[in-house]
């Protein structure tokens, strides 16, 4: 289970269930949209970490940065990005 900054995603083999109600294997468009979102979040968190922050704010952003990076790794997993084969679709 990976807790993400914007959503909670539970991974069970190749099927994802999110707290927003999505169930199933995401389409490539959905996967790429999520990857773009998390990538932009990583960029924003890094920019904010370069500014003058309190220790609490720095720790908070550090946690969010790690969560976004984990989400990118999970969504970039090769089996998630592969197109389903005809046998799997027929079942």
N, C-alpha and C. Protein backbone atom coordinates (compact mmCIF):
# COMPACT_ATOMS: atom_id res chain seq x y z
N UNK A 1 0.85 -1.17 0.00
CA UNK A 1 0.00 0.00 0.00
C UNK A 1 0.89 1.23 0.00
N UNK A 2 0.56 2.19 -0.83
CA UNK A 2 1.31 3.43 -0.91
C UNK A 2 0.34 4.57 -0.66
N UNK A 3 0.61 5.39 0.35
CA UNK A 3 -0.24 6.56 0.62
C UNK A 3 0.34 7.73 -0.15
N UNK A 4 -0.49 8.37 -0.95
CA UNK A 4 -0.05 9.46 -1.79
C UNK A 4 -0.61 10.77 -1.28
N UNK A 5 0.03 11.86 -1.68
CA UNK A 5 -0.37 13.18 -1.20
C UNK A 5 -1.80 13.55 -1.61
N UNK A 6 -2.21 13.21 -2.81
CA UNK A 6 -3.52 13.62 -3.30
C UNK A 6 -4.57 12.53 -3.21
N UNK A 7 -4.15 11.32 -3.03
CA UNK A 7 -5.07 10.20 -3.10
C UNK A 7 -4.46 9.03 -2.35
N UNK A 8 -5.25 8.03 -2.07
CA UNK A 8 -4.74 6.81 -1.48
C UNK A 8 -4.90 5.73 -2.52
N UNK A 9 -3.82 5.03 -2.83
CA UNK A 9 -3.87 3.99 -3.85
C UNK A 9 -3.43 2.68 -3.23
N UNK A 10 -4.23 1.65 -3.45
CA UNK A 10 -3.90 0.31 -2.97
C UNK A 10 -3.55 -0.52 -4.18
N UNK A 11 -2.41 -1.21 -4.12
CA UNK A 11 -1.97 -1.99 -5.27
C UNK A 11 -2.22 -3.46 -4.99
N UNK A 12 -2.95 -4.12 -5.88
CA UNK A 12 -3.20 -5.55 -5.80
C UNK A 12 -2.93 -6.10 -7.19
N UNK A 13 -1.81 -6.75 -7.38
CA UNK A 13 -1.32 -7.22 -8.66
C UNK A 13 -1.38 -6.08 -9.68
N UNK A 14 -2.12 -6.24 -10.76
CA UNK A 14 -2.19 -5.18 -11.78
C UNK A 14 -3.46 -4.35 -11.66
N UNK A 15 -4.23 -4.55 -10.60
CA UNK A 15 -5.48 -3.82 -10.44
C UNK A 15 -5.30 -2.78 -9.35
N UNK A 16 -5.70 -1.55 -9.63
CA UNK A 16 -5.57 -0.46 -8.68
C UNK A 16 -6.94 -0.03 -8.20
N UNK A 17 -7.03 0.28 -6.93
CA UNK A 17 -8.25 0.83 -6.35
C UNK A 17 -7.86 2.11 -5.65
N UNK A 18 -8.54 3.20 -5.95
CA UNK A 18 -8.20 4.46 -5.31
C UNK A 18 -9.38 4.94 -4.48
N UNK A 19 -9.09 5.84 -3.57
CA UNK A 19 -10.15 6.37 -2.72
C UNK A 19 -11.11 7.25 -3.50
N UNK A 20 -10.75 7.64 -4.72
CA UNK A 20 -11.65 8.46 -5.53
C UNK A 20 -12.67 7.62 -6.27
N UNK A 21 -12.60 6.28 -6.10
CA UNK A 21 -13.60 5.41 -6.69
C UNK A 21 -13.14 4.66 -7.92
N UNK A 22 -11.95 4.92 -8.42
CA UNK A 22 -11.44 4.22 -9.60
C UNK A 22 -11.10 2.79 -9.22
N UNK A 23 -11.60 1.84 -10.00
CA UNK A 23 -11.27 0.44 -9.79
C UNK A 23 -10.92 -0.15 -11.15
N UNK A 24 -9.81 -0.86 -11.22
CA UNK A 24 -9.41 -1.50 -12.46
C UNK A 24 -8.03 -1.06 -12.88
N UNK A 25 -7.67 -1.48 -14.08
CA UNK A 25 -6.37 -1.11 -14.64
C UNK A 25 -6.55 0.23 -15.34
N UNK A 26 -5.76 1.24 -14.96
CA UNK A 26 -5.93 2.56 -15.60
C UNK A 26 -5.53 2.52 -17.06
N UNK A 27 -6.18 3.34 -17.86
CA UNK A 27 -5.80 3.45 -19.26
C UNK A 27 -4.45 4.16 -19.35
N UNK A 28 -3.83 4.09 -20.51
CA UNK A 28 -2.55 4.77 -20.68
C UNK A 28 -2.71 6.27 -20.49
N UNK A 29 -3.82 6.83 -20.97
CA UNK A 29 -4.05 8.26 -20.82
C UNK A 29 -4.15 8.64 -19.34
N UNK A 30 -4.86 7.83 -18.55
CA UNK A 30 -4.97 8.09 -17.11
C UNK A 30 -3.63 7.97 -16.42
N UNK A 31 -2.86 6.96 -16.81
CA UNK A 31 -1.54 6.76 -16.22
C UNK A 31 -0.62 7.93 -16.54
N UNK A 32 -0.62 8.38 -17.79
CA UNK A 32 0.23 9.51 -18.16
C UNK A 32 -0.20 10.80 -17.47
N UNK A 33 -1.50 10.97 -17.31
CA UNK A 33 -2.00 12.17 -16.62
C UNK A 33 -1.54 12.16 -15.16
N UNK A 34 -1.61 11.00 -14.51
CA UNK A 34 -1.13 10.90 -13.13
C UNK A 34 0.37 11.13 -13.05
N UNK A 35 1.12 10.56 -14.00
CA UNK A 35 2.57 10.76 -14.02
C UNK A 35 2.91 12.24 -14.17
N UNK A 36 2.21 12.94 -15.06
CA UNK A 36 2.45 14.38 -15.23
C UNK A 36 2.15 15.14 -13.93
N UNK A 37 1.06 14.79 -13.29
CA UNK A 37 0.67 15.46 -12.05
C UNK A 37 1.72 15.26 -10.97
N UNK A 38 2.15 14.03 -10.78
CA UNK A 38 3.14 13.76 -9.73
C UNK A 38 4.49 14.38 -10.08
N UNK A 39 4.85 14.39 -11.36
CA UNK A 39 6.11 15.01 -11.77
C UNK A 39 6.08 16.51 -11.46
N UNK A 40 4.95 17.16 -11.77
CA UNK A 40 4.82 18.59 -11.47
C UNK A 40 4.87 18.83 -9.96
N UNK A 41 4.27 17.94 -9.19
CA UNK A 41 4.32 18.06 -7.73
C UNK A 41 5.76 17.96 -7.24
N UNK A 42 6.53 17.02 -7.78
CA UNK A 42 7.94 16.87 -7.39
C UNK A 42 8.70 18.15 -7.68
N UNK A 43 8.48 18.72 -8.87
CA UNK A 43 9.16 19.97 -9.22
C UNK A 43 8.78 21.08 -8.24
N UNK A 44 7.50 21.20 -7.94
CA UNK A 44 7.04 22.26 -7.03
C UNK A 44 7.61 22.06 -5.63
N UNK A 45 7.62 20.82 -5.13
CA UNK A 45 8.16 20.56 -3.80
C UNK A 45 9.65 20.89 -3.73
N UNK A 46 10.40 20.55 -4.78
CA UNK A 46 11.84 20.86 -4.80
C UNK A 46 12.07 22.36 -4.80
N UNK A 47 11.25 23.09 -5.55
CA UNK A 47 11.38 24.55 -5.57
C UNK A 47 11.09 25.13 -4.18
N UNK A 48 10.05 24.62 -3.55
CA UNK A 48 9.70 25.11 -2.22
C UNK A 48 10.77 24.77 -1.18
N UNK A 49 11.38 23.60 -1.30
CA UNK A 49 12.44 23.20 -0.36
C UNK A 49 13.66 24.10 -0.48
N UNK A 50 13.83 24.75 -1.63
CA UNK A 50 14.97 25.64 -1.83
C UNK A 50 14.73 27.03 -1.21
N UNK A 51 13.54 27.27 -0.68
CA UNK A 51 13.23 28.56 -0.08
C UNK A 51 13.41 28.48 1.44
N UNK A 52 13.26 29.58 2.11
CA UNK A 52 13.38 29.62 3.57
C UNK A 52 12.14 29.05 4.24
N UNK A 53 12.27 27.89 4.82
CA UNK A 53 11.15 27.21 5.47
C UNK A 53 11.50 26.87 6.91
N UNK A 54 10.48 26.69 7.71
CA UNK A 54 10.70 26.20 9.06
C UNK A 54 11.03 24.70 8.97
N UNK A 55 11.55 24.15 10.05
CA UNK A 55 11.86 22.72 10.08
C UNK A 55 10.60 21.88 9.85
N UNK A 56 9.49 22.32 10.43
CA UNK A 56 8.23 21.60 10.27
C UNK A 56 7.79 21.60 8.80
N UNK A 57 7.86 22.76 8.16
CA UNK A 57 7.47 22.86 6.75
C UNK A 57 8.39 22.03 5.86
N UNK A 58 9.68 22.06 6.16
CA UNK A 58 10.66 21.28 5.39
C UNK A 58 10.39 19.78 5.53
N UNK A 59 10.08 19.35 6.75
CA UNK A 59 9.78 17.93 6.99
C UNK A 59 8.50 17.53 6.24
N UNK A 60 7.47 18.38 6.32
CA UNK A 60 6.21 18.11 5.65
C UNK A 60 6.42 17.95 4.14
N UNK A 61 7.14 18.90 3.53
CA UNK A 61 7.40 18.83 2.10
C UNK A 61 8.27 17.64 1.73
N UNK A 62 9.19 17.27 2.62
CA UNK A 62 10.03 16.10 2.37
C UNK A 62 9.20 14.84 2.28
N UNK A 63 8.22 14.72 3.17
CA UNK A 63 7.32 13.56 3.13
C UNK A 63 6.52 13.56 1.84
N UNK A 64 5.96 14.70 1.47
CA UNK A 64 5.17 14.79 0.24
C UNK A 64 6.03 14.51 -0.99
N UNK A 65 7.27 14.96 -0.98
CA UNK A 65 8.18 14.70 -2.08
C UNK A 65 8.43 13.20 -2.23
N UNK A 66 8.71 12.53 -1.12
CA UNK A 66 8.93 11.08 -1.18
C UNK A 66 7.68 10.34 -1.66
N UNK A 67 6.51 10.77 -1.21
CA UNK A 67 5.27 10.12 -1.65
C UNK A 67 5.06 10.30 -3.15
N UNK A 68 5.32 11.48 -3.67
CA UNK A 68 5.15 11.73 -5.10
C UNK A 68 6.16 10.90 -5.90
N UNK A 69 7.39 10.79 -5.40
CA UNK A 69 8.40 9.99 -6.08
C UNK A 69 8.01 8.51 -6.08
N UNK A 70 7.45 8.02 -4.97
CA UNK A 70 6.99 6.63 -4.91
C UNK A 70 5.84 6.40 -5.88
N UNK A 71 4.95 7.37 -5.99
CA UNK A 71 3.83 7.26 -6.93
C UNK A 71 4.35 7.18 -8.36
N UNK A 72 5.35 7.99 -8.69
CA UNK A 72 5.93 7.96 -10.03
C UNK A 72 6.55 6.60 -10.30
N UNK A 73 7.28 6.07 -9.32
CA UNK A 73 7.89 4.74 -9.49
C UNK A 73 6.82 3.68 -9.70
N UNK A 74 5.74 3.74 -8.91
CA UNK A 74 4.69 2.75 -9.02
C UNK A 74 4.00 2.85 -10.39
N UNK A 75 3.68 4.07 -10.81
CA UNK A 75 2.99 4.26 -12.08
C UNK A 75 3.89 3.98 -13.27
N UNK A 76 5.20 4.04 -13.09
CA UNK A 76 6.15 3.79 -14.17
C UNK A 76 6.51 2.32 -14.30
N UNK A 77 5.94 1.48 -13.45
CA UNK A 77 6.25 0.05 -13.48
C UNK A 77 5.90 -0.50 -14.86
N UNK A 78 6.82 -1.24 -15.48
CA UNK A 78 6.60 -1.70 -16.86
C UNK A 78 5.31 -2.48 -17.06
N UNK A 79 4.90 -3.32 -16.12
CA UNK A 79 3.70 -4.11 -16.33
C UNK A 79 2.45 -3.25 -16.33
N UNK A 80 2.48 -2.11 -15.67
CA UNK A 80 1.33 -1.22 -15.67
C UNK A 80 1.20 -0.49 -17.00
N UNK A 81 2.32 -0.23 -17.66
CA UNK A 81 2.30 0.53 -18.91
C UNK A 81 2.14 -0.36 -20.14
N UNK A 82 2.22 -1.69 -19.98
CA UNK A 82 2.06 -2.59 -21.11
C UNK A 82 0.60 -2.65 -21.52
N UNK A 83 0.38 -2.75 -22.81
CA UNK A 83 -0.98 -2.93 -23.31
C UNK A 83 -1.42 -4.35 -23.02
N UNK A 84 -2.68 -4.55 -22.64
CA UNK A 84 -3.15 -5.90 -22.35
C UNK A 84 -3.14 -6.74 -23.63
N UNK A 85 -2.81 -8.02 -23.48
CA UNK A 85 -2.79 -8.89 -24.66
C UNK A 85 -4.19 -9.40 -24.94
N UNK A 86 -4.38 -9.98 -26.11
CA UNK A 86 -5.69 -10.43 -26.54
C UNK A 86 -6.25 -11.53 -25.64
N UNK A 87 -5.38 -12.40 -25.12
CA UNK A 87 -5.83 -13.48 -24.25
C UNK A 87 -6.44 -12.94 -22.96
N UNK A 88 -5.80 -11.91 -22.40
CA UNK A 88 -6.29 -11.33 -21.15
C UNK A 88 -7.63 -10.63 -21.38
N UNK A 89 -7.80 -10.02 -22.55
CA UNK A 89 -9.05 -9.32 -22.84
C UNK A 89 -10.19 -10.29 -23.08
N UNK A 90 -9.88 -11.48 -23.59
CA UNK A 90 -10.92 -12.47 -23.90
C UNK A 90 -11.46 -13.13 -22.63
N UNK A 91 -10.68 -13.11 -21.57
CA UNK A 91 -11.09 -13.81 -20.34
C UNK A 91 -12.17 -13.08 -19.59
